[in-house]
Amino acid sequence: MANNPSLLPLIAIIVAVIVVTSGAVGFLYLTHRPATNSGVPAVAVGDNVTVNYIGILGSGAEAGKVFDTSFYSVATNNASFPKTLEFGLRASAKNYTPLPVHVSGNTPSSGYTLGNLSFIQVVTGFWQGLVGMTGNSTRTLVLPPSEAYGPSNPACISTQRLSFTLPVVETLSLAAFSADFPGTMVAQGIEFPDPQYGWPVLVLSANASFATIENLPTLGMTASPAGWPIEVTGLSSTTNGTGMITLTNQLSPAQAGHVLGHVAAASGLCGSQSNGRFIVSAVNLADGTFTEDYNTEVTGQTLVFIVTITGIFPPGVVG
């Protein structure tokens, strides 16, 4: 789907306004309403429509960036349309087509099919904002969280220490060894790279039940297991094997809201909603902490949609 050139000036103005006023954008309601002629069909509650859209974050650290669109040319143009952290490019241009929407709050969650179109449920503010539009008209919708994806879920937010320690020598059950080092042989004298941090790991001893390993990092080495550098900032060792490795997340307050992290999906908060992905939403050097937010990036945010109606199908009319 080619981008509509007539939208570019409007998009540029809106993005500029979002960037300049992102702190107060939740109170901003911009609407572009073209003049309508008597007798021209307008979208009413209960209709089915197809709509092109550009979705832009209207608040937060990534305000002004595109999080979703039906235009392939917008999706692939990062220079003119910078993208949010969780923006996902669909495989090809054929996957970018106008969105079929049922204009009602009573759409089944699974949607339904009429003719060759499957109309889906959308957030309240989106379908309500389409009411009164005519074919080929464009409108800008500004949705507060209550009309979009709701507030952030505190259960999906976790605070972590910037610095933490790991033991130099560990004794693991064979099941734990296999979980930590999948596909690695358990035998005395075997050495292999740690899958998270990359440093050498030596198997000191092994029997039918347990394996004792020694982590062998060097001071100053870095790895990025979660998506940003973590540095070995301290090493201690003792003859009885109680030495510790100190690791420090290399994050700064300026990066808050702009870093996407990841963990194994099974170990992340909020289950399948996050799929193990999170945004580093805060970095507090004074407290020595950072915050992992597993809410999706659109949750708890004001959203701006630039929408254009491409088809209107009143009840009983199918595409």
Protein backbone atom coordinates (compact mmCIF):
# COMPACT_ATOMS: atom_id res chain seq x y z
CA MET A 1 0.00 0.00 0.00
CA ALA A 2 1.59 3.27 -1.11
CA ASN A 3 1.67 6.16 1.31
CA ASN A 4 -0.86 8.93 0.68
CA PRO A 5 1.20 12.07 -0.12
CA SER A 6 -1.66 14.32 1.00
CA LEU A 7 -1.18 13.07 4.57
CA LEU A 8 2.48 14.04 4.84
CA PRO A 9 2.04 17.71 5.86
CA LEU A 10 -0.58 16.74 8.45
CA ILE A 11 1.62 13.94 9.80
CA ALA A 12 4.63 16.24 10.06
CA ILE A 13 2.65 18.85 12.02
CA ILE A 14 1.17 16.26 14.37
CA VAL A 15 4.49 14.56 15.07
CA ALA A 16 6.09 17.94 15.75
CA VAL A 17 3.31 18.84 18.17
CA ILE A 18 3.65 15.49 19.94
CA VAL A 19 7.40 15.86 20.36
CA VAL A 20 7.16 19.44 21.65
CA THR A 21 4.22 18.83 23.98
CA SER A 22 4.66 15.17 24.88
CA GLY A 23 4.31 15.91 28.58
CA ALA A 24 0.80 17.28 28.09
CA VAL A 25 -0.32 15.45 24.99
CA GLY A 26 -2.97 13.57 26.97
CA PHE A 27 -4.94 16.81 27.10
CA LEU A 28 -4.57 17.54 23.38
CA TYR A 29 -7.40 16.62 21.03
CA LEU A 30 -6.62 17.35 17.39
CA THR A 31 -9.33 16.63 14.84
CA HIS A 32 -9.20 17.25 11.09
CA ARG A 33 -12.78 17.33 9.86
CA PRO A 34 -13.28 17.89 6.12
CA ALA A 35 -16.47 19.56 5.01
CA THR A 36 -19.27 17.10 4.23
CA ASN A 37 -22.10 17.43 1.75
CA SER A 38 -25.67 16.55 2.53
CA GLY A 39 -26.41 13.00 1.44
CA VAL A 40 -22.78 11.82 1.55
CA PRO A 41 -22.69 8.55 3.54
CA ALA A 42 -21.01 8.97 6.92
CA VAL A 43 -19.83 6.28 9.33
CA ALA A 44 -22.44 5.37 11.94
CA VAL A 45 -22.40 3.03 14.91
CA GLY A 46 -23.02 -0.49 13.64
CA ASP A 47 -21.31 0.07 10.29
CA ASN A 48 -18.33 -1.89 9.02
CA VAL A 49 -15.45 0.13 7.62
CA THR A 50 -11.99 -0.28 6.19
CA VAL A 51 -9.44 2.26 7.35
CA ASN A 52 -5.81 3.14 6.74
CA TYR A 53 -3.97 4.34 9.81
CA ILE A 54 -0.70 5.48 11.32
CA GLY A 55 -0.39 4.88 15.06
CA ILE A 56 1.97 7.19 16.96
CA LEU A 57 2.88 7.22 20.64
CA GLY A 58 1.59 10.45 22.13
CA SER A 59 3.29 10.23 25.51
CA GLY A 60 6.29 8.70 27.22
CA ALA A 61 9.95 8.67 26.27
CA GLU A 62 9.21 7.48 22.72
CA ALA A 63 6.50 10.08 21.99
CA GLY A 64 6.29 10.98 18.30
CA LYS A 65 7.39 7.57 17.04
CA VAL A 66 5.26 5.17 14.98
CA PHE A 67 4.22 1.95 16.73
CA ASP A 68 1.96 0.53 13.97
CA THR A 69 0.62 1.39 10.54
CA SER A 70 -1.29 -0.02 7.59
CA PHE A 71 1.04 1.71 5.10
CA TYR A 72 3.98 -0.37 3.91
CA SER A 73 5.83 2.79 2.83
CA VAL A 74 5.52 4.22 6.33
CA ALA A 75 6.55 0.92 7.93
CA THR A 76 9.74 0.77 5.87
CA ASN A 77 10.69 4.46 6.04
CA ASN A 78 12.53 4.91 9.33
CA ALA A 79 14.06 8.24 8.34
CA SER A 80 10.75 10.07 7.98
CA PHE A 81 8.81 7.85 10.38
CA PRO A 82 11.05 6.76 13.29
CA LYS A 83 9.75 3.64 15.05
CA THR A 84 9.15 2.68 18.64
CA LEU A 85 11.11 -0.01 20.46
CA GLU A 86 8.49 -2.73 19.96
CA PHE A 87 7.51 -1.85 16.38
CA GLY A 88 7.42 -5.01 14.29
CA LEU A 89 7.76 -4.99 10.50
CA ARG A 90 5.35 -7.41 8.89
CA ALA A 91 6.91 -9.72 6.33
CA SER A 92 6.00 -8.00 3.05
CA ALA A 93 3.95 -5.26 1.37
CA LYS A 94 0.98 -7.60 0.93
CA ASN A 95 0.53 -7.62 4.69
CA TYR A 96 -0.13 -3.86 4.70
CA THR A 97 -3.76 -3.24 3.73
CA PRO A 98 -6.64 -1.16 5.15
CA LEU A 99 -7.87 -2.46 8.49
CA PRO A 100 -11.45 -3.85 8.57
CA VAL A 101 -13.21 -2.49 11.68
CA HIS A 102 -16.69 -2.97 13.10
CA VAL A 103 -17.82 0.39 14.47
CA SER A 104 -19.28 -0.78 17.75
CA GLY A 105 -18.38 -1.82 21.25
CA ASN A 106 -20.14 -5.16 20.74
CA THR A 107 -17.71 -6.79 18.31
CA PRO A 108 -16.81 -10.36 19.37
CA SER A 109 -13.24 -10.50 20.63
CA SER A 110 -12.43 -12.90 17.82
CA GLY A 111 -14.04 -10.63 15.22
CA TYR A 112 -16.24 -11.94 12.44
CA THR A 113 -16.21 -12.35 8.67
CA LEU A 114 -18.49 -10.67 6.13
CA GLY A 115 -17.86 -11.49 2.50
CA ASN A 116 -14.12 -11.54 1.99
CA LEU A 117 -13.29 -9.29 4.95
CA SER A 118 -12.74 -10.16 8.60
CA PHE A 119 -13.77 -7.23 10.79
CA ILE A 120 -12.01 -7.01 14.13
CA GLN A 121 -12.49 -5.48 17.54
CA VAL A 122 -10.49 -2.31 18.18
CA VAL A 123 -10.02 -0.12 21.25
CA THR A 124 -12.93 2.11 22.24
CA GLY A 125 -11.46 5.45 21.24
CA PHE A 126 -10.51 4.17 17.79
CA TRP A 127 -13.96 3.02 16.66
CA GLN A 128 -15.72 5.92 18.35
CA GLY A 129 -13.41 8.34 16.53
CA LEU A 130 -14.53 6.96 13.16
CA VAL A 131 -18.18 7.91 13.67
CA GLY A 132 -19.23 10.75 11.36
CA MET A 133 -16.35 10.33 8.92
CA THR A 134 -17.02 10.03 5.19
CA GLY A 135 -15.21 7.98 2.59
CA ASN A 136 -11.62 9.12 1.85
CA SER A 137 -11.72 11.64 4.70
CA THR A 138 -8.88 11.86 7.21
CA ARG A 139 -9.06 12.51 10.93
CA THR A 140 -6.57 12.59 13.77
CA LEU A 141 -7.62 10.79 16.94
CA VAL A 142 -5.91 11.36 20.27
CA LEU A 143 -6.74 8.57 22.73
CA PRO A 144 -5.96 8.76 26.43
CA PRO A 145 -5.12 5.39 28.03
CA SER A 146 -8.72 4.95 29.22
CA GLU A 147 -9.89 4.90 25.59
CA ALA A 148 -6.92 2.85 24.34
CA TYR A 149 -5.12 0.01 26.16
CA GLY A 150 -5.76 1.09 29.72
CA PRO A 151 -3.35 1.86 32.57
CA SER A 152 -0.07 0.08 33.19
CA ASN A 153 -0.30 -3.07 35.29
CA PRO A 154 1.94 -2.69 38.36
CA ALA A 155 2.35 -6.48 38.49
CA CYS A 156 4.25 -6.24 35.20
CA ILE A 157 6.90 -3.88 36.61
CA SER A 158 10.00 -5.06 38.47
CA THR A 159 12.93 -3.21 40.09
CA GLN A 160 16.40 -4.73 39.75
CA ARG A 161 19.85 -3.90 41.13
CA LEU A 162 22.33 -2.31 38.78
CA SER A 163 25.10 -4.40 40.39
CA PHE A 164 24.78 -8.03 41.44
CA THR A 165 27.03 -10.96 42.26
CA LEU A 166 27.52 -14.52 41.12
CA PRO A 167 29.69 -17.18 42.78
CA VAL A 168 33.00 -18.14 41.23
CA VAL A 169 32.47 -21.80 42.12
CA GLU A 170 29.03 -23.47 42.04
CA THR A 171 27.77 -26.98 42.67
CA LEU A 172 24.72 -27.80 40.58
CA SER A 173 22.42 -30.76 40.28
CA LEU A 174 22.66 -32.40 36.85
CA ALA A 175 19.17 -31.12 36.06
CA ALA A 176 20.21 -27.56 36.93
CA PHE A 177 23.43 -27.96 34.94
CA SER A 178 21.45 -29.04 31.87
CA ALA A 179 19.05 -26.12 32.29
CA ASP A 180 21.87 -23.57 32.63
CA PHE A 181 24.11 -25.08 29.96
CA PRO A 182 21.86 -26.91 27.48
CA GLY A 183 23.61 -29.43 25.24
CA THR A 184 26.87 -29.32 27.23
CA MET A 185 28.64 -32.52 28.28
CA VAL A 186 29.10 -33.03 32.03
CA ALA A 187 32.63 -34.34 32.57
CA GLN A 188 35.55 -33.30 34.75
CA GLY A 189 37.98 -31.02 32.92
CA ILE A 190 35.52 -29.90 30.24
CA GLU A 191 35.67 -26.16 29.49
CA PHE A 192 33.00 -24.25 27.58
CA PRO A 193 31.73 -20.64 27.17
CA ASP A 194 28.96 -19.46 29.46
CA PRO A 195 25.87 -18.97 27.23
CA GLN A 196 24.90 -15.67 28.90
CA TYR A 197 28.17 -13.95 29.70
CA GLY A 198 30.66 -15.62 27.37
CA TRP A 199 33.38 -16.26 29.95
CA PRO A 200 34.99 -19.72 30.21
CA VAL A 201 33.36 -22.25 32.55
CA LEU A 202 35.41 -25.19 33.81
CA VAL A 203 33.89 -28.41 35.17
CA LEU A 204 35.95 -29.10 38.31
CA SER A 205 34.23 -32.37 39.18
CA ALA A 206 31.17 -34.39 38.24
CA ASN A 207 29.38 -37.52 39.45
CA ALA A 208 26.02 -39.17 38.87
CA SER A 209 24.14 -36.46 40.76
CA PHE A 210 26.11 -33.19 40.80
CA ALA A 211 28.64 -31.09 38.93
CA THR A 212 30.93 -28.44 40.39
CA ILE A 213 31.92 -25.66 38.02
CA GLU A 214 34.23 -22.67 38.15
CA ASN A 215 33.40 -19.43 36.35
CA LEU A 216 36.51 -17.82 34.85
CA PRO A 217 35.77 -14.23 33.85
CA THR A 218 38.33 -11.45 33.59
CA LEU A 219 37.91 -8.04 35.15
CA GLY A 220 36.44 -5.53 32.72
CA MET A 221 34.96 -8.02 30.26
CA THR A 222 31.43 -7.23 29.04
CA ALA A 223 28.48 -9.14 27.68
CA SER A 224 24.92 -8.18 26.67
CA PRO A 225 22.63 -11.01 27.78
CA ALA A 226 19.57 -8.77 28.16
CA GLY A 227 20.21 -6.22 25.41
CA TRP A 228 22.78 -3.76 26.87
CA PRO A 229 26.34 -4.14 28.24
CA ILE A 230 26.94 -5.75 31.61
CA GLU A 231 30.52 -5.41 32.85
CA VAL A 232 32.54 -7.54 35.25
CA THR A 233 33.46 -4.85 37.77
CA GLY A 234 34.76 -7.00 40.62
CA LEU A 235 36.40 -10.38 41.25
CA SER A 236 37.28 -12.04 44.53
CA SER A 237 38.53 -15.53 45.22
CA THR A 238 39.27 -17.59 48.31
CA THR A 239 40.85 -20.96 48.87
CA ASN A 240 37.56 -22.46 50.04
CA GLY A 241 35.74 -21.55 46.81
CA THR A 242 33.54 -18.73 48.11
CA GLY A 243 34.77 -16.05 45.72
CA MET A 244 32.30 -13.75 44.03
CA ILE A 245 31.93 -12.07 40.63
CA THR A 246 30.44 -8.57 40.64
CA LEU A 247 28.59 -7.53 37.50
CA THR A 248 27.22 -4.05 36.81
CA ASN A 249 24.55 -3.11 34.28
CA GLN A 250 25.89 -0.28 32.13
CA LEU A 251 22.73 1.85 32.06
CA SER A 252 22.27 5.61 32.49
CA PRO A 253 19.20 7.70 33.37
CA ALA A 254 19.22 9.16 29.84
CA GLN A 255 18.48 5.68 28.48
CA ALA A 256 15.26 5.26 30.46
CA GLY A 257 12.40 4.50 28.10
CA HIS A 258 14.73 3.95 25.14
CA VAL A 259 16.14 0.47 25.84
CA LEU A 260 14.38 -2.78 25.00
CA GLY A 261 15.44 -5.78 27.08
CA HIS A 262 14.66 -9.46 26.91
CA VAL A 263 14.77 -12.55 29.07
CA ALA A 264 13.62 -16.11 28.51
CA ALA A 265 9.84 -15.85 28.03
CA ALA A 266 9.19 -18.33 30.83
CA SER A 267 11.09 -16.20 33.36
CA GLY A 268 9.57 -12.83 32.45
CA LEU A 269 6.64 -11.13 34.12
CA CYS A 270 3.15 -10.99 32.55
CA GLY A 271 3.53 -14.28 30.69
CA SER A 272 2.65 -14.38 27.01
CA GLN A 273 1.69 -10.69 27.00
CA SER A 274 5.34 -9.69 27.19
CA ASN A 275 6.94 -12.77 25.61
CA GLY A 276 9.95 -12.00 27.79
CA ARG A 277 10.37 -8.46 26.45
CA PHE A 278 10.49 -5.37 28.63
CA ILE A 279 11.42 -1.72 28.48
CA VAL A 280 13.97 -0.22 30.86
CA SER A 281 11.64 2.50 32.12
CA ALA A 282 13.84 4.04 34.83
CA VAL A 283 17.47 4.10 35.96
CA ASN A 284 18.22 5.40 39.45
CA LEU A 285 21.95 5.75 40.08
CA ALA A 286 21.45 7.02 43.62
CA ASP A 287 19.53 3.89 44.60
CA GLY A 288 21.59 1.64 42.34
CA THR A 289 18.49 0.29 40.61
CA PHE A 290 16.74 0.09 37.25
CA THR A 291 13.15 -0.76 36.37
CA GLU A 292 11.93 -3.44 33.97
CA ASP A 293 8.45 -2.72 32.57
CA TYR A 294 6.88 -5.77 30.92
CA ASN A 295 3.71 -3.90 29.94
CA THR A 296 3.43 -3.50 26.18
CA GLU A 297 4.70 -0.11 25.04
CA VAL A 298 1.19 1.14 24.21
CA THR A 299 -0.20 0.29 27.65
CA GLY A 300 -0.64 3.33 29.87
CA GLN A 301 0.18 5.73 27.02
CA THR A 302 -1.74 8.34 25.06
CA LEU A 303 -2.01 7.20 21.44
CA VAL A 304 -2.40 9.28 18.29
CA PHE A 305 -3.98 7.72 15.21
CA ILE A 306 -4.12 9.36 11.79
CA VAL A 307 -6.99 7.52 10.09
CA THR A 308 -8.43 7.58 6.57
CA ILE A 309 -11.68 5.82 5.68
CA THR A 310 -11.29 3.71 2.54
CA GLY A 311 -14.67 1.95 2.57
CA ILE A 312 -18.00 2.12 4.41
CA PHE A 313 -20.31 -0.91 4.57
CA PRO A 314 -23.59 -0.28 6.40
CA PRO A 315 -25.21 -3.24 8.22
CA GLY A 316 -26.08 -5.98 5.74
CA VAL A 317 -23.57 -4.78 3.14
CA VAL A 318 -20.40 -6.82 2.74
CA GLY A 319 -17.04 -6.18 1.11
